[in-house]
PDB file of all heavy atoms in Angstrom:
ATOM      1  N   ARG A   1     105.891  95.718  97.015  1.00  0.00           N
ATOM      2  CA  ARG A   1     105.211  96.318  98.172  1.00  0.00           C
ATOM      3  C   ARG A   1     105.891  97.471  98.774  1.00  0.00           C
ATOM      4  O   ARG A   1     105.314  97.993  99.686  1.00  0.00           O
ATOM      5  CB  ARG A   1     104.946  95.175  99.138  1.00  0.00           C
ATOM      6  CG  ARG A   1     104.051  94.122  98.688  1.00  0.00           C
ATOM      7  CD  ARG A   1     103.674  93.031  99.699  1.00  0.00           C
ATOM      8  NE  ARG A   1     102.780  92.059  99.239  1.00  0.00           N
ATOM      9  CZ  ARG A   1     102.386  91.025  99.828  1.00  0.00           C
ATOM     10  NH1 ARG A   1     102.985  90.778 101.102  1.00  0.00           N
ATOM     11  NH2 ARG A   1     101.609  90.145  99.387  1.00  0.00           N
ATOM     12  N   ASN A   2     107.024  97.823  98.353  1.00  0.00           N
ATOM     13  CA  ASN A   2     107.779  98.935  99.012  1.00  0.00           C
ATOM     14  C   ASN A   2     107.858  98.790 100.500  1.00  0.00           C
ATOM     15  O   ASN A   2     107.657  99.728 101.251  1.00  0.00           O
ATOM     16  CB  ASN A   2     107.211 100.285  98.623  1.00  0.00           C
ATOM     17  CG  ASN A   2     107.529 100.684  97.223  1.00  0.00           C
ATOM     18  OD1 ASN A   2     108.019  99.898  96.400  1.00  0.00           O
ATOM     19  ND2 ASN A   2     107.279 101.968  96.879  1.00  0.00           N
ATOM     20  N   ASP A   3     108.161  97.570 100.966  1.00  0.00           N
ATOM     21  CA  ASP A   3     108.154  97.279 102.378  1.00  0.00           C
ATOM     22  C   ASP A   3     109.641  97.162 102.828  1.00  0.00           C
ATOM     23  O   ASP A   3     110.302  96.138 102.584  1.00  0.00           O
ATOM     24  CB  ASP A   3     107.503  95.969 102.672  1.00  0.00           C
ATOM     25  CG  ASP A   3     107.450  95.529 104.113  1.00  0.00           C
ATOM     26  OD1 ASP A   3     107.982  96.257 104.898  1.00  0.00           O
ATOM     27  OD2 ASP A   3     106.903  94.455 104.348  1.00  0.00           O
ATOM     28  N   PRO A   4     110.158  98.169 103.588  1.00  0.00           N
ATOM     29  CA  PRO A   4     111.489  98.109 104.018  1.00  0.00           C
ATOM     30  C   PRO A   4     111.905  97.009 104.987  1.00  0.00           C
ATOM     31  O   PRO A   4     113.055  96.732 105.313  1.00  0.00           O
ATOM     32  CB  PRO A   4     111.791  99.489 104.586  1.00  0.00           C
ATOM     33  CG  PRO A   4     110.599 100.313 104.192  1.00  0.00           C
ATOM     34  CD  PRO A   4     109.482  99.385 104.007  1.00  0.00           C
ATOM     35  N   SER A   5     110.889  96.295 105.515  1.00  0.00           N
ATOM     36  CA  SER A   5     111.193  95.260 106.527  1.00  0.00           C
ATOM     37  C   SER A   5     112.026  94.098 105.870  1.00  0.00           C
ATOM     38  O   SER A   5     112.698  93.405 106.581  1.00  0.00           O
ATOM     39  CB  SER A   5     109.904  94.653 107.085  1.00  0.00           C
ATOM     40  OG  SER A   5     109.151  93.928 106.091  1.00  0.00           O
ATOM     41  N   TRP A   6     111.952  93.925 104.479  1.00  0.00           N
ATOM     42  CA  TRP A   6     112.786  92.952 103.912  1.00  0.00           C
ATOM     43  C   TRP A   6     114.246  93.164 104.191  1.00  0.00           C
ATOM     44  O   TRP A   6     114.995  92.203 104.349  1.00  0.00           O
ATOM     45  CB  TRP A   6     112.555  92.923 102.373  1.00  0.00           C
ATOM     46  CG  TRP A   6     111.195  92.620 101.915  1.00  0.00           C
ATOM     47  CD1 TRP A   6     110.287  93.534 101.371  1.00  0.00           C
ATOM     48  CD2 TRP A   6     110.538  91.354 101.966  1.00  0.00           C
ATOM     49  NE1 TRP A   6     109.086  92.811 101.137  1.00  0.00           N
ATOM     50  CE2 TRP A   6     109.194  91.542 101.513  1.00  0.00           C
ATOM     51  CE3 TRP A   6     110.919  90.075 102.494  1.00  0.00           C
ATOM     52  CZ2 TRP A   6     108.279  90.483 101.382  1.00  0.00           C
ATOM     53  CZ3 TRP A   6     109.975  89.018 102.339  1.00  0.00           C
ATOM     54  CH2 TRP A   6     108.778  89.306 101.843  1.00  0.00           C
ATOM     55  N   VAL A   7     114.700  94.360 104.327  1.00  0.00           N
ATOM     56  CA  VAL A   7     116.100  94.688 104.427  1.00  0.00           C
ATOM     57  C   VAL A   7     116.474  95.185 105.887  1.00  0.00           C
ATOM     58  O   VAL A   7     117.657  95.605 106.083  1.00  0.00           O
ATOM     59  CB  VAL A   7     116.610  95.681 103.354  1.00  0.00           C
ATOM     60  CG1 VAL A   7     116.463  95.026 102.021  1.00  0.00           C
ATOM     61  CG2 VAL A   7     115.789  96.939 103.469  1.00  0.00           C
ATOM     62  N   ARG A   8     115.573  95.127 106.724  1.00  0.00           N
ATOM     63  CA  ARG A   8     115.886  95.490 108.154  1.00  0.00           C
ATOM     64  C   ARG A   8     116.553  94.312 108.760  1.00  0.00           C
ATOM     65  O   ARG A   8     116.328  93.160 108.485  1.00  0.00           O
ATOM     66  CB  ARG A   8     114.702  95.978 108.922  1.00  0.00           C
ATOM     67  CG  ARG A   8     114.011  97.190 108.378  1.00  0.00           C
ATOM     68  CD  ARG A   8     113.324  97.952 109.437  1.00  0.00           C
ATOM     69  NE  ARG A   8     114.185  98.618 110.356  1.00  0.00           N
ATOM     70  CZ  ARG A   8     113.898  99.278 111.534  1.00  0.00           C
ATOM     71  NH1 ARG A   8     112.681  99.213 111.932  1.00  0.00           N
ATOM     72  NH2 ARG A   8     114.772  99.918 112.205  1.00  0.00           N
ATOM     73  N   HIS A   9     117.392  94.584 109.758  1.00  0.00           N
ATOM     74  CA  HIS A   9     118.197  93.503 110.427  1.00  0.00           C
ATOM     75  C   HIS A   9     117.168  92.656 111.215  1.00  0.00           C
ATOM     76  O   HIS A   9     116.071  93.012 111.677  1.00  0.00           O
ATOM     77  CB  HIS A   9     119.166  94.095 111.435  1.00  0.00           C
ATOM     78  CG  HIS A   9     120.227  94.891 110.757  1.00  0.00           C
ATOM     79  ND1 HIS A   9     121.087  94.291 109.837  1.00  0.00           N
ATOM     80  CD2 HIS A   9     120.624  96.167 110.804  1.00  0.00           C
ATOM     81  CE1 HIS A   9     121.960  95.257 109.374  1.00  0.00           C
ATOM     82  NE2 HIS A   9     121.653  96.368 109.904  1.00  0.00           N
ATOM     83  N   ARG A  10     117.549  91.336 111.282  1.00  0.00           N
ATOM     84  CA  ARG A  10     116.746  90.393 112.034  1.00  0.00           C
ATOM     85  C   ARG A  10     116.565  90.823 113.479  1.00  0.00           C
ATOM     86  O   ARG A  10     115.545  90.578 114.131  1.00  0.00           O
ATOM     87  CB  ARG A  10     117.411  88.997 112.070  1.00  0.00           C
ATOM     88  CG  ARG A  10     117.497  88.435 110.607  1.00  0.00           C
ATOM     89  CD  ARG A  10     116.257  87.698 110.223  1.00  0.00           C
ATOM     90  NE  ARG A  10     116.157  86.345 110.929  1.00  0.00           N
ATOM     91  CZ  ARG A  10     115.251  86.024 111.746  1.00  0.00           C
ATOM     92  NH1 ARG A  10     114.291  86.827 112.090  1.00  0.00           N
ATOM     93  NH2 ARG A  10     115.201  84.784 112.288  1.00  0.00           N
ATOM     94  N   ALA A  11     117.577  91.524 114.059  1.00  0.00           N
ATOM     95  CA  ALA A  11     117.526  91.843 115.491  1.00  0.00           C
ATOM     96  C   ALA A  11     116.314  92.884 115.785  1.00  0.00           C
ATOM     97  O   ALA A  11     115.866  93.091 116.877  1.00  0.00           O
ATOM     98  CB  ALA A  11     118.871  92.475 115.931  1.00  0.00           C
ATOM     99  N   VAL A  12     115.880  93.629 114.733  1.00  0.00           N
ATOM    100  CA  VAL A  12     114.835  94.581 114.893  1.00  0.00           C
ATOM    101  C   VAL A  12     113.586  94.111 114.232  1.00  0.00           C
ATOM    102  O   VAL A  12     112.768  95.007 113.902  1.00  0.00           O
ATOM    103  CB  VAL A  12     115.212  96.028 114.444  1.00  0.00           C
ATOM    104  CG1 VAL A  12     116.350  96.541 115.332  1.00  0.00           C
ATOM    105  CG2 VAL A  12     115.744  95.988 112.915  1.00  0.00           C
ATOM    106  N   GLY A  13     113.467  92.873 113.973  1.00  0.00           N
ATOM    107  CA  GLY A  13     112.175  92.263 113.392  1.00  0.00           C
ATOM    108  C   GLY A  13     112.181  92.326 111.879  1.00  0.00           C
ATOM    109  O   GLY A  13     111.094  92.054 111.332  1.00  0.00           O
ATOM    110  N   GLY A  14     113.242  92.594 111.217  1.00  0.00           N
ATOM    111  CA  GLY A  14     113.199  92.535 109.789  1.00  0.00           C
ATOM    112  C   GLY A  14     113.530  91.067 109.222  1.00  0.00           C
ATOM    113  O   GLY A  14     113.793  90.182 110.020  1.00  0.00           O
ATOM    114  N   MET A  15     113.598  90.995 107.904  1.00  0.00           N
ATOM    115  CA  MET A  15     113.906  89.704 107.288  1.00  0.00           C
ATOM    116  C   MET A  15     115.443  89.465 107.181  1.00  0.00           C
ATOM    117  O   MET A  15     115.875  88.305 107.004  1.00  0.00           O
ATOM    118  CB  MET A  15     113.320  89.639 105.880  1.00  0.00           C
ATOM    119  CG  MET A  15     111.789  89.626 105.860  1.00  0.00           C
ATOM    120  SD  MET A  15     111.141  88.133 106.441  1.00  0.00           S
ATOM    121  CE  MET A  15     109.392  88.435 106.229  1.00  0.00           C
ATOM    122  N   GLY A  16     116.246  90.479 107.251  1.00  0.00           N
ATOM    123  CA  GLY A  16     117.636  90.330 107.274  1.00  0.00           C
ATOM    124  C   GLY A  16     118.245  90.211 105.978  1.00  0.00           C
ATOM    125  O   GLY A  16     119.442  89.764 105.761  1.00  0.00           O
ATOM    126  N   LEU A  17     117.531  90.591 104.911  1.00  0.00           N
ATOM    127  CA  LEU A  17     118.110  90.570 103.477  1.00  0.00           C
ATOM    128  C   LEU A  17     118.963  91.831 103.360  1.00  0.00           C
ATOM    129  O   LEU A  17     118.920  92.748 104.069  1.00  0.00           O
ATOM    130  CB  LEU A  17     116.958  90.618 102.433  1.00  0.00           C
ATOM    131  CG  LEU A  17     115.938  89.346 102.590  1.00  0.00           C
ATOM    132  CD1 LEU A  17     115.007  89.402 101.482  1.00  0.00           C
ATOM    133  CD2 LEU A  17     116.676  88.022 102.709  1.00  0.00           C
ATOM    134  N   ASP A  18     119.819  91.854 102.290  1.00  0.00           N
ATOM    135  CA  ASP A  18     120.834  92.807 102.107  1.00  0.00           C
ATOM    136  C   ASP A  18     120.393  94.078 101.267  1.00  0.00           C
ATOM    137  O   ASP A  18     120.866  95.144 101.478  1.00  0.00           O
ATOM    138  CB  ASP A  18     122.070  92.271 101.540  1.00  0.00           C
ATOM    139  CG  ASP A  18     122.695  91.179 102.400  1.00  0.00           C
ATOM    140  OD1 ASP A  18     123.255  91.475 103.454  1.00  0.00           O
ATOM    141  OD2 ASP A  18     122.433  89.938 102.059  1.00  0.00           O
ATOM    142  N   ALA A  19     119.441  93.747 100.296  1.00  0.00           N
ATOM    143  CA  ALA A  19     118.968  94.906  99.385  1.00  0.00           C
ATOM    144  C   ALA A  19     117.714  94.483  98.830  1.00  0.00           C
ATOM    145  O   ALA A  19     117.220  93.291  98.925  1.00  0.00           O
ATOM    146  CB  ALA A  19     119.989  95.153  98.335  1.00  0.00           C
ATOM    147  N   GLN A  20     117.049  95.380  98.190  1.00  0.00           N
ATOM    148  CA  GLN A  20     115.688  95.086  97.498  1.00  0.00           C
ATOM    149  C   GLN A  20     115.597  95.973  96.346  1.00  0.00           C
ATOM    150  O   GLN A  20     116.056  97.116  96.297  1.00  0.00           O
ATOM    151  CB  GLN A  20     114.452  95.208  98.397  1.00  0.00           C
ATOM    152  CG  GLN A  20     114.153  96.604  98.823  1.00  0.00           C
ATOM    153  CD  GLN A  20     112.961  96.635  99.780  1.00  0.00           C
ATOM    154  OE1 GLN A  20     112.973  96.118 100.811  1.00  0.00           O
ATOM    155  NE2 GLN A  20     111.937  97.358  99.264  1.00  0.00           N
ATOM    156  N   TRP A  21     114.991  95.428  95.247  1.00  0.00           N
ATOM    157  CA  TRP A  21     114.706  96.237  94.065  1.00  0.00           C
ATOM    158  C   TRP A  21     113.658  97.317  94.511  1.00  0.00           C
ATOM    159  O   TRP A  21     112.704  97.094  95.257  1.00  0.00           O
ATOM    160  CB  TRP A  21     114.049  95.386  93.001  1.00  0.00           C
ATOM    161  CG  TRP A  21     115.104  94.682  92.220  1.00  0.00           C
ATOM    162  CD1 TRP A  21     116.407  94.402  92.588  1.00  0.00           C
ATOM    163  CD2 TRP A  21     114.914  94.243  90.821  1.00  0.00           C
ATOM    164  NE1 TRP A  21     116.980  93.777  91.552  1.00  0.00           N
ATOM    165  CE2 TRP A  21     116.139  93.665  90.440  1.00  0.00           C
ATOM    166  CE3 TRP A  21     113.912  94.241  89.877  1.00  0.00           C
ATOM    167  CZ2 TRP A  21     116.371  93.063  89.167  1.00  0.00           C
ATOM    168  CZ3 TRP A  21     114.147  93.738  88.686  1.00  0.00           C
ATOM    169  CH2 TRP A  21     115.325  93.147  88.274  1.00  0.00           C
ATOM    170  N   ALA A  22     113.842  98.518  93.902  1.00  0.00           N
ATOM    171  CA  ALA A  22     112.966  99.600  94.070  1.00  0.00           C
ATOM    172  C   ALA A  22     112.596 100.210  92.841  1.00  0.00           C
ATOM    173  O   ALA A  22     113.391 101.059  92.229  1.00  0.00           O
ATOM    174  CB  ALA A  22     113.595 100.686  95.108  1.00  0.00           C
ATOM    175  N   ASP A  23     111.348 100.062  92.321  1.00  0.00           N
ATOM    176  CA  ASP A  23     110.968 100.533  91.049  1.00  0.00           C
ATOM    177  C   ASP A  23     110.595 102.033  90.930  1.00  0.00           C
ATOM    178  O   ASP A  23     110.547 102.623  89.845  1.00  0.00           O
ATOM    179  CB  ASP A  23     109.693  99.845  90.590  1.00  0.00           C
ATOM    180  CG  ASP A  23     110.016  98.425  90.146  1.00  0.00           C
ATOM    181  OD1 ASP A  23     111.189  98.013  89.961  1.00  0.00           O
ATOM    182  OD2 ASP A  23     109.093  97.506  90.182  1.00  0.00           O
ATOM    183  N   ASP A  24     110.403 102.693  92.171  1.00  0.00           N
ATOM    184  CA  ASP A  24     109.888 104.060  92.114  1.00  0.00           C
ATOM    185  C   ASP A  24     110.792 104.976  91.402  1.00  0.00           C
ATOM    186  O   ASP A  24     110.304 105.862  90.652  1.00  0.00           O
ATOM    187  CB  ASP A  24     109.724 104.568  93.559  1.00  0.00           C
ATOM    188  CG  ASP A  24     108.432 104.091  94.252  1.00  0.00           C
ATOM    189  OD1 ASP A  24     107.561 103.537  93.491  1.00  0.00           O
ATOM    190  OD2 ASP A  24     108.295 104.147  95.403  1.00  0.00           O
ATOM    191  N   LEU A  25     112.147 104.876  91.628  1.00  0.00           N
ATOM    192  CA  LEU A  25     113.090 105.761  90.974  1.00  0.00           C
ATOM    193  C   LEU A  25     113.046 105.588  89.392  1.00  0.00           C
ATOM    194  O   LEU A  25     112.955 106.516  88.687  1.00  0.00           O
ATOM    195  CB  LEU A  25     114.480 105.548  91.473  1.00  0.00           C
ATOM    196  CG  LEU A  25     115.552 106.531  90.960  1.00  0.00           C
ATOM    197  CD1 LEU A  25     115.137 107.898  91.449  1.00  0.00           C
ATOM    198  CD2 LEU A  25     116.902 106.094  91.495  1.00  0.00           C
ATOM    199  N   HIS A  26     112.959 104.283  88.989  1.00  0.00           N
ATOM    200  CA  HIS A  26     112.816 104.051  87.586  1.00  0.00           C
ATOM    201  C   HIS A  26     111.578 104.722  87.010  1.00  0.00           C
ATOM    202  O   HIS A  26     111.614 105.391  86.000  1.00  0.00           O
ATOM    203  CB  HIS A  26     112.736 102.566  87.294  1.00  0.00           C
ATOM    204  CG  HIS A  26     112.177 102.142  85.880  1.00  0.00           C
ATOM    205  ND1 HIS A  26     110.852 102.165  85.552  1.00  0.00           N
ATOM    206  CD2 HIS A  26     112.925 102.013  84.709  1.00  0.00           C
ATOM    207  CE1 HIS A  26     110.769 101.940  84.233  1.00  0.00           C
ATOM    208  NE2 HIS A  26     111.964 101.777  83.778  1.00  0.00           N
ATOM    209  N   HIS A  27     110.434 104.578  87.692  1.00  0.00           N
ATOM    210  CA  HIS A  27     109.168 105.081  87.131  1.00  0.00           C
ATOM    211  C   HIS A  27     109.112 106.607  87.073  1.00  0.00           C
ATOM    212  O   HIS A  27     108.672 107.239  86.053  1.00  0.00           O
ATOM    213  CB  HIS A  27     108.049 104.615  88.076  1.00  0.00           C
ATOM    214  CG  HIS A  27     107.749 103.182  88.089  1.00  0.00           C
ATOM    215  ND1 HIS A  27     108.352 102.316  87.104  1.00  0.00           N
ATOM    216  CD2 HIS A  27     107.001 102.343  88.857  1.00  0.00           C
ATOM    217  CE1 HIS A  27     108.031 101.031  87.391  1.00  0.00           C
ATOM    218  NE2 HIS A  27     107.226 101.065  88.444  1.00  0.00           N
ATOM    219  N   ALA A  28     109.716 107.213  88.060  1.00  0.00           N
ATOM    220  CA  ALA A  28     109.799 108.751  88.032  1.00  0.00           C
ATOM    221  C   ALA A  28     110.645 109.218  86.912  1.00  0.00           C
ATOM    222  O   ALA A  28     110.334 110.129  86.127  1.00  0.00           O
ATOM    223  CB  ALA A  28     110.332 109.259  89.370  1.00  0.00           C
ATOM    224  N   ILE A  29     111.926 108.605  86.729  1.00  0.00           N
ATOM    225  CA  ILE A  29     112.774 109.017  85.690  1.00  0.00           C
ATOM    226  C   ILE A  29     112.141 108.732  84.336  1.00  0.00           C
ATOM    227  O   ILE A  29     112.156 109.484  83.390  1.00  0.00           O
ATOM    228  CB  ILE A  29     114.152 108.341  85.860  1.00  0.00           C
ATOM    229  CG1 ILE A  29     114.836 108.862  87.032  1.00  0.00           C
ATOM    230  CG2 ILE A  29     115.014 108.593  84.567  1.00  0.00           C
ATOM    231  CD1 ILE A  29     116.193 108.091  87.360  1.00  0.00           C
ATOM    232  N   HIS A  30     111.584 107.537  84.188  1.00  0.00           N
ATOM    233  CA  HIS A  30     110.949 107.113  82.871  1.00  0.00           C
ATOM    234  C   HIS A  30     109.874 108.123  82.505  1.00  0.00           C
ATOM    235  O   HIS A  30     109.773 108.599  81.307  1.00  0.00           O
ATOM    236  CB  HIS A  30     110.324 105.757  83.021  1.00  0.00           C
ATOM    237  CG  HIS A  30     109.816 105.156  81.810  1.00  0.00           C
ATOM    238  ND1 HIS A  30     110.629 104.485  80.810  1.00  0.00           N
ATOM    239  CD2 HIS A  30     108.474 105.292  81.164  1.00  0.00           C
ATOM    240  CE1 HIS A  30     109.800 104.208  79.818  1.00  0.00           C
ATOM    241  NE2 HIS A  30     108.633 104.668  79.971  1.00  0.00           N
ATOM    242  N   VAL A  31     108.989 108.526  83.394  1.00  0.00           N
ATOM    243  CA  VAL A  31     107.909 109.395  82.994  1.00  0.00           C
ATOM    244  C   VAL A  31     108.548 110.821  82.711  1.00  0.00           C
ATOM    245  O   VAL A  31     108.031 111.511  81.819  1.00  0.00           O
ATOM    246  CB  VAL A  31     106.910 109.596  84.155  1.00  0.00           C
ATOM    247  CG1 VAL A  31     105.841 110.652  83.896  1.00  0.00           C
ATOM    248  CG2 VAL A  31     106.133 108.187  84.288  1.00  0.00           C
ATOM    249  N   ALA A  32     109.571 111.220  83.482  1.00  0.00           N
ATOM    250  CA  ALA A  32     110.173 112.527  83.268  1.00  0.00           C
ATOM    251  C   ALA A  32     110.721 112.657  81.828  1.00  0.00           C
ATOM    252  O   ALA A  32     110.594 113.728  81.215  1.00  0.00           O
ATOM    253  CB  ALA A  32     111.305 112.779  84.294  1.00  0.00           C
ATOM    254  N   VAL A  33     111.245 111.594  81.296  1.00  0.00           N
ATOM    255  CA  VAL A  33     111.992 111.657  79.975  1.00  0.00           C
ATOM    256  C   VAL A  33     111.091 111.218  78.819  1.00  0.00           C
ATOM    257  O   VAL A  33     111.327 111.657  77.699  1.00  0.00           O
ATOM    258  CB  VAL A  33     113.334 110.937  79.912  1.00  0.00           C
ATOM    259  CG1 VAL A  33     114.320 111.454  80.989  1.00  0.00           C
ATOM    260  CG2 VAL A  33     113.128 109.301  80.213  1.00  0.00           C
ATOM    261  N   THR A  34     110.075 110.343  79.060  1.00  0.00           N
ATOM    262  CA  THR A  34     109.215 109.900  78.032  1.00  0.00           C
ATOM    263  C   THR A  34     107.800 110.565  77.983  1.00  0.00           C
ATOM    264  O   THR A  34     107.208 110.674  76.914  1.00  0.00           O
ATOM    265  CB  THR A  34     108.942 108.431  78.150  1.00  0.00           C
ATOM    266  OG1 THR A  34     108.134 108.191  79.338  1.00  0.00           O
ATOM    267  CG2 THR A  34     110.223 107.593  78.189  1.00  0.00           C
ATOM    268  N   GLY A  35     107.388 111.134  79.093  1.00  0.00           N
ATOM    269  CA  GLY A  35     106.081 111.683  79.235  1.00  0.00           C
ATOM    270  C   GLY A  35     104.914 110.595  79.322  1.00  0.00           C
ATOM    271  O   GLY A  35     103.718 111.076  79.358  1.00  0.00           O
ATOM    272  N   GLU A  36     105.212 109.389  79.360  1.00  0.00           N
ATOM    273  CA  GLU A  36     104.267 108.360  79.399  1.00  0.00           C
ATOM    274  C   GLU A  36     103.595 108.357  80.781  1.00  0.00           C
ATOM    275  O   GLU A  36     104.303 108.345  81.846  1.00  0.00           O
ATOM    276  CB  GLU A  36     104.818 106.932  79.153  1.00  0.00           C
ATOM    277  CG  GLU A  36     105.344 106.702  77.773  1.00  0.00           C
ATOM    278  CD  GLU A  36     105.952 105.355  77.553  1.00  0.00           C
ATOM    279  OE1 GLU A  36     106.083 104.573  78.567  1.00  0.00           O
ATOM    280  OE2 GLU A  36     106.262 105.024  76.409  1.00  0.00           O
ATOM    281  N   THR A  37     102.283 108.299  80.798  1.00  0.00           N
ATOM    282  CA  THR A  37     101.601 108.235  82.068  1.00  0.00           C
ATOM    283  C   THR A  37     100.425 107.299  82.182  1.00  0.00           C
ATOM    284  O   THR A  37      99.504 107.431  82.966  1.00  0.00           O
ATOM    285  CB  THR A  37     100.907 109.660  82.408  1.00  0.00           C
ATOM    286  OG1 THR A  37     100.156 110.090  81.316  1.00  0.00           O
ATOM    287  CG2 THR A  37     102.125 110.770  82.616  1.00  0.00           C
ATOM    288  N   ASP A  38     100.412 106.313  81.252  1.00  0.00           N
ATOM    289  CA  ASP A  38      99.397 105.350  81.349  1.00  0.00           C
ATOM    290  C   ASP A  38      99.771 104.066  82.119  1.00  0.00           C
ATOM    291  O   ASP A  38     100.984 104.021  82.498  1.00  0.00           O
ATOM    292  CB  ASP A  38      98.876 104.907  79.892  1.00  0.00           C
ATOM    293  CG  ASP A  38     100.010 104.365  79.077  1.00  0.00           C
ATOM    294  OD1 ASP A  38     101.136 104.466  79.499  1.00  0.00           O
ATOM    295  OD2 ASP A  38      99.700 103.713  78.008  1.00  0.00           O
ATOM    296  N   GLY A  39      98.815 103.204  82.327  1.00  0.00           N
ATOM    297  CA  GLY A  39      99.227 102.047  83.247  1.00  0.00           C
ATOM    298  C   GLY A  39      99.679 102.467  84.612  1.00  0.00           C
ATOM    299  O   GLY A  39      99.150 103.438  85.259  1.00  0.00           O
ATOM    300  N   TYR A  40     100.604 101.816  85.074  1.00  0.00           N
ATOM    301  CA  TYR A  40     101.099 102.124  86.440  1.00  0.00           C
ATOM    302  C   TYR A  40     101.903 103.440  86.540  1.00  0.00           C
ATOM    303  O   TYR A  40     102.194 103.926  87.579  1.00  0.00           O
ATOM    304  CB  TYR A  40     101.939 100.964  87.063  1.00  0.00           C
ATOM    305  CG  TYR A  40     103.050 100.374  86.167  1.00  0.00           C
ATOM    306  CD1 TYR A  40     104.242 101.124  85.937  1.00  0.00           C
ATOM    307  CD2 TYR A  40     102.810  99.204  85.599  1.00  0.00           C
ATOM    308  CE1 TYR A  40     105.241 100.561  85.137  1.00  0.00           C
ATOM    309  CE2 TYR A  40     103.857  98.610  84.811  1.00  0.00           C
ATOM    310  CZ  TYR A  40     104.946  99.299  84.518  1.00  0.00           C
ATOM    311  OH  TYR A  40     106.019  98.754  83.795  1.00  0.00           O
TER     312      TYR A  40
END
């Protein structure tokens, strides 16, 4: 969901987790080197 609230501190209304997976960087690099543009 690309929702940063997972890793925001509990004091500011977040979930208080330490990190989250972020697929966007993978997808951008993958398309840049492979040229694949189908699916997601």
